[in-house]
Structures are given as C-alpha cells and as structure tokens.
C-alpha atoms as a PDB file:
ATOM      1  CA  MET A   1       0.128  11.069   3.226  1.00  0.00           C
ATOM      2  CA  ILE A   2       1.765   7.682   3.746  1.00  0.00           C
ATOM      3  CA  ASN A   3       1.086   5.435   6.699  1.00  0.00           C
ATOM      4  CA  LEU A   4       2.788   2.121   7.439  1.00  0.00           C
ATOM      5  CA  ILE A   5       1.250  -0.690   9.476  1.00  0.00           C
ATOM      6  CA  PRO A   6       4.278  -2.736  10.582  1.00  0.00           C
ATOM      7  CA  GLY A   7       4.442  -5.964  12.529  1.00  0.00           C
ATOM      8  CA  LYS A   8       5.539  -9.541  12.356  1.00  0.00           C
ATOM      9  CA  LYS A   9       3.411 -12.219  10.686  1.00  0.00           C
ATOM     10  CA  GLY A  10       0.189 -12.911  12.580  1.00  0.00           C
ATOM     11  CA  THR A  11      -0.027  -9.582  14.407  1.00  0.00           C
ATOM     12  CA  GLY A  12      -3.257  -8.451  12.710  1.00  0.00           C
ATOM     13  CA  LYS A  13      -1.894  -6.017  10.118  1.00  0.00           C
ATOM     14  CA  THR A  14      -4.223  -7.186   7.365  1.00  0.00           C
ATOM     15  CA  LYS A  15      -7.261  -6.990   9.688  1.00  0.00           C
ATOM     16  CA  VAL A  16      -6.391  -3.374  10.488  1.00  0.00           C
ATOM     17  CA  LEU A  17      -5.911  -2.695   6.757  1.00  0.00           C
ATOM     18  CA  VAL A  18      -9.248  -4.296   5.818  1.00  0.00           C
ATOM     19  CA  ASP A  19     -11.051  -2.283   8.499  1.00  0.00           C
ATOM     20  CA  SER A  20      -9.448   0.892   7.114  1.00  0.00           C
ATOM     21  CA  ILE A  21     -10.457  -0.045   3.562  1.00  0.00           C
ATOM     22  CA  VAL A  22     -14.085  -0.616   4.604  1.00  0.00           C
ATOM     23  CA  LYS A  23     -14.197   2.778   6.346  1.00  0.00           C
ATOM     24  CA  ALA A  24     -12.560   4.501   3.376  1.00  0.00           C
ATOM     25  CA  ALA A  25     -15.048   2.918   0.951  1.00  0.00           C
ATOM     26  CA  GLU A  26     -17.981   4.078   3.089  1.00  0.00           C
ATOM     27  CA  LYS A  27     -16.894   7.730   3.129  1.00  0.00           C
ATOM     28  CA  ALA A  28     -15.110   8.049  -0.211  1.00  0.00           C
ATOM     29  CA  THR A  29     -16.377  10.481  -2.804  1.00  0.00           C
ATOM     30  CA  GLY A  30     -13.678   9.270  -5.194  1.00  0.00           C
ATOM     31  CA  ASN A  31     -11.975   5.956  -5.880  1.00  0.00           C
ATOM     32  CA  VAL A  32     -10.322   3.594  -3.418  1.00  0.00           C
ATOM     33  CA  VAL A  33      -7.681   1.116  -4.647  1.00  0.00           C
ATOM     34  CA  CYS A  34      -6.213  -1.924  -2.915  1.00  0.00           C
ATOM     35  CA  ILE A  35      -3.031  -3.541  -4.253  1.00  0.00           C
ATOM     36  CA  GLU A  36      -1.918  -6.972  -3.086  1.00  0.00           C
ATOM     37  CA  ARG A  37      -0.251 -10.111  -4.345  1.00  0.00           C
ATOM     38  CA  GLY A  38      -2.506 -13.108  -4.869  1.00  0.00           C
ATOM     39  CA  MET A  39      -6.050 -11.662  -4.592  1.00  0.00           C
ATOM     40  CA  LYS A  40      -6.573 -12.953  -1.056  1.00  0.00           C
ATOM     41  CA  LEU A  41      -8.782 -10.017  -0.045  1.00  0.00           C
ATOM     42  CA  THR A  42     -11.402 -10.502  -2.764  1.00  0.00           C
ATOM     43  CA  TYR A  43     -14.185 -11.380  -0.317  1.00  0.00           C
ATOM     44  CA  ASP A  44     -13.025  -9.150   2.547  1.00  0.00           C
ATOM     45  CA  ILE A  45     -13.266  -5.709   0.976  1.00  0.00           C
ATOM     46  CA  PRO A  46     -16.258  -3.872  -0.535  1.00  0.00           C
ATOM     47  CA  HIS A  47     -16.991  -4.428  -4.200  1.00  0.00           C
ATOM     48  CA  SER A  48     -16.609  -0.689  -4.848  1.00  0.00           C
ATOM     49  CA  VAL A  49     -12.871  -0.880  -4.047  1.00  0.00           C
ATOM     50  CA  ARG A  50     -10.655  -1.559  -7.055  1.00  0.00           C
ATOM     51  CA  LEU A  51      -8.629  -4.647  -6.145  1.00  0.00           C
ATOM     52  CA  VAL A  52      -5.383  -5.047  -8.070  1.00  0.00           C
ATOM     53  CA  ASP A  53      -3.179  -8.155  -8.082  1.00  0.00           C
ATOM     54  CA  ALA A  54       0.449  -7.016  -8.418  1.00  0.00           C
ATOM     55  CA  GLU A  55       1.307 -10.345 -10.086  1.00  0.00           C
ATOM     56  CA  ASP A  56      -1.079  -9.608 -12.964  1.00  0.00           C
ATOM     57  CA  TYR A  57       1.001  -6.540 -13.839  1.00  0.00           C
ATOM     58  CA  GLY A  58       4.455  -8.061 -13.332  1.00  0.00           C
ATOM     59  CA  ILE A  59       5.263  -5.859 -10.333  1.00  0.00           C
ATOM     60  CA  THR A  60       8.330  -7.490  -8.783  1.00  0.00           C
ATOM     61  CA  SER A  61      10.413  -4.556  -7.512  1.00  0.00           C
ATOM     62  CA  TYR A  62       9.995  -1.233  -5.797  1.00  0.00           C
ATOM     63  CA  ASP A  63      10.810   0.604  -9.043  1.00  0.00           C
ATOM     64  CA  ASN A  64       8.038  -1.358 -10.814  1.00  0.00           C
ATOM     65  CA  PHE A  65       5.667  -0.601  -7.946  1.00  0.00           C
ATOM     66  CA  TYR A  66       6.438   3.121  -7.990  1.00  0.00           C
ATOM     67  CA  GLY A  67       5.864   3.261 -11.755  1.00  0.00           C
ATOM     68  CA  PHE A  68       2.599   1.365 -11.424  1.00  0.00           C
ATOM     69  CA  VAL A  69       1.240   3.681  -8.716  1.00  0.00           C
ATOM     70  CA  ALA A  70       2.429   6.750 -10.647  1.00  0.00           C
ATOM     71  CA  GLY A  71       0.524   5.467 -13.677  1.00  0.00           C
ATOM     72  CA  LEU A  72      -2.596   4.805 -11.623  1.00  0.00           C
ATOM     73  CA  LEU A  73      -2.554   8.306 -10.192  1.00  0.00           C
ATOM     74  CA  ALA A  74      -1.808   9.930 -13.558  1.00  0.00           C
ATOM     75  CA  GLY A  75      -4.653   8.068 -15.223  1.00  0.00           C
ATOM     76  CA  ASN A  76      -7.262   8.606 -12.522  1.00  0.00           C
ATOM     77  CA  HIS A  77      -7.372  11.892 -10.640  1.00  0.00           C
ATOM     78  CA  ASP A  78     -10.335  10.627  -8.593  1.00  0.00           C
ATOM     79  CA  ILE A  79      -8.230   8.191  -6.550  1.00  0.00           C
ATOM     80  CA  GLN A  80      -8.396   9.255  -2.913  1.00  0.00           C
ATOM     81  CA  GLU A  81      -6.824   6.324  -1.123  1.00  0.00           C
ATOM     82  CA  VAL A  82      -4.499   3.456  -2.007  1.00  0.00           C
ATOM     83  CA  PHE A  83      -4.039   0.495   0.311  1.00  0.00           C
ATOM     84  CA  VAL A  84      -1.234  -2.033  -0.138  1.00  0.00           C
ATOM     85  CA  ASP A  85      -1.210  -5.381   1.641  1.00  0.00           C
ATOM     86  CA  GLY A  86       2.194  -7.015   1.968  1.00  0.00           C
ATOM     87  CA  ILE A  87       4.548  -4.521   0.307  1.00  0.00           C
ATOM     88  CA  LEU A  88       7.529  -6.750   1.155  1.00  0.00           C
ATOM     89  CA  LYS A  89       5.910  -9.613  -0.792  1.00  0.00           C
ATOM     90  CA  ILE A  90       5.631  -7.311  -3.771  1.00  0.00           C
ATOM     91  CA  GLY A  91       9.010  -5.548  -3.710  1.00  0.00           C
ATOM     92  CA  GLY A  92      11.238  -7.724  -1.558  1.00  0.00           C
ATOM     93  CA  ARG A  93      13.041  -7.313   1.758  1.00  0.00           C
ATOM     94  CA  ASP A  94      15.444  -4.589   0.661  1.00  0.00           C
ATOM     95  CA  TYR A  95      14.487  -2.064   3.330  1.00  0.00           C
ATOM     96  CA  GLU A  96      16.650   0.682   1.851  1.00  0.00           C
ATOM     97  CA  ALA A  97      14.903   0.322  -1.538  1.00  0.00           C
ATOM     98  CA  LEU A  98      11.551   0.322   0.284  1.00  0.00           C
ATOM     99  CA  GLY A  99      12.498   3.573   2.029  1.00  0.00           C
ATOM    100  CA  ALA A 100      13.609   5.202  -1.219  1.00  0.00           C
ATOM    101  CA  MET A 101      10.356   4.212  -2.938  1.00  0.00           C
ATOM    102  CA  ILE A 102       8.212   5.473  -0.053  1.00  0.00           C
ATOM    103  CA  GLU A 103      10.035   8.818  -0.067  1.00  0.00           C
ATOM    104  CA  LYS A 104       9.392   9.154  -3.842  1.00  0.00           C
ATOM    105  CA  LEU A 105       5.727   8.233  -3.382  1.00  0.00           C
ATOM    106  CA  ALA A 106       5.369  10.783  -0.582  1.00  0.00           C
ATOM    107  CA  VAL A 107       6.326  13.527  -3.052  1.00  0.00           C
ATOM    108  CA  LEU A 108       4.125  12.157  -5.826  1.00  0.00           C
ATOM    109  CA  ALA A 109       1.016  11.496  -3.769  1.00  0.00           C
ATOM    110  CA  LYS A 110       0.936  14.340  -1.263  1.00  0.00           C
ATOM    111  CA  ASP A 111      -2.872  14.681  -1.568  1.00  0.00           C
ATOM    112  CA  ILE A 112      -3.593  10.934  -1.467  1.00  0.00           C
ATOM    113  CA  ASN A 113      -3.689   8.608   1.481  1.00  0.00           C
ATOM    114  CA  LEU A 114      -1.397   5.577   0.952  1.00  0.00           C
ATOM    115  CA  VAL A 115      -1.415   2.807   3.551  1.00  0.00           C
ATOM    116  CA  PHE A 116       1.012  -0.154   3.501  1.00  0.00           C
ATOM    117  CA  THR A 117       1.281  -3.270   5.624  1.00  0.00           C
ATOM    118  CA  VAL A 118       4.925  -4.170   6.284  1.00  0.00           C
ATOM    119  CA  SER A 119       5.638  -7.643   7.680  1.00  0.00           C
ATOM    120  CA  ALA A 120       8.625  -6.688   9.773  1.00  0.00           C
ATOM    121  CA  ASP A 121       9.426  -5.693  13.307  1.00  0.00           C
ATOM    122  CA  PRO A 122       9.583  -1.870  13.329  1.00  0.00           C
ATOM    123  CA  GLU A 123      13.045  -1.994  14.914  1.00  0.00           C
ATOM    124  CA  GLU A 124      14.349  -3.851  11.825  1.00  0.00           C
ATOM    125  CA  LEU A 125      13.342  -0.987   9.542  1.00  0.00           C
ATOM    126  CA  PRO A 126      15.668   1.905   8.717  1.00  0.00           C
ATOM    127  CA  ALA A 127      14.845   5.337  10.129  1.00  0.00           C
ATOM    128  CA  LYS A 128      13.590   6.670   6.788  1.00  0.00           C
ATOM    129  CA  VAL A 129      10.971   3.871   6.706  1.00  0.00           C
ATOM    130  CA  ARG A 130      10.057   4.174  10.414  1.00  0.00           C
ATOM    131  CA  ALA A 131       9.361   7.865   9.835  1.00  0.00           C
ATOM    132  CA  PHE A 132       6.146   6.849   8.042  1.00  0.00           C
ATOM    133  CA  ILE A 133       4.768   4.734  10.907  1.00  0.00           C
ATOM    134  CA  LYS A 134       1.845   6.569  12.471  1.00  0.00           C
END
C-alpha cells in the first residue's frame, strides 16, 4: 500500500512522517526502512529503523529510486514498511515520472506499506499521483 503525505514546505509533513516511523518501529515484527536525502532524520527516528541516504547510493531519478527499492525488497523479505522523506528532492519535480514510479511500486510492493512526503500542493499533482493520497 502506498500513502502520500503532500503539502507545501513548512506544513509539518516530516513531523507526521517521523511520528509514523516511531509507531511503525514500536509495532514492527520485521524491518522498517527510511530513505531520505542528507541524513537529517538521524536523531529523530529510532535506532532500529534502517536509515538510508539516497545520495550515498547515487539515486538521482525515479528510475534509480524504483530500482533501489526493488533491490531492497528482493534482498530482504522482512521489510514491512518503507518511509521516504522528500521524494521530490530525490527524483525531481517531474510529476508524471513520479506518478509512473509510484504506480510501478504499487504493483511491486503490494504487501508493504510505503509512505512518501511530497513537497507540493496536492492540486499541483496529476490525478494518478493524487490517487495515492490517503
């Protein structure tokens, strides 16, 4: 299942994401992963959560991101939840490419909870991206 947390800068998206990560870590029987750019959440999330810096792996596009997540899931069947802070910082502001990547991930990770923060006004996003806003 994919869930997007949209909103303009300063609207509290990361706070909501961190709260969700803490809750997931408390109840998880498997692994929880958080992907971001710049390792800003190091001291905000539980130590048990695997924190990944997208820059360390050269993730600069939505195709790179999809391949990275596919590799994570293929290599670790115990991953239950993946949280991504600032997907537009990782893949860019091409909303159509974002939508295509999310649709591919929805097929790949149907048994995994994926949560993304998207720094954009929901009205700016195409319908295929807005469909994942819960």
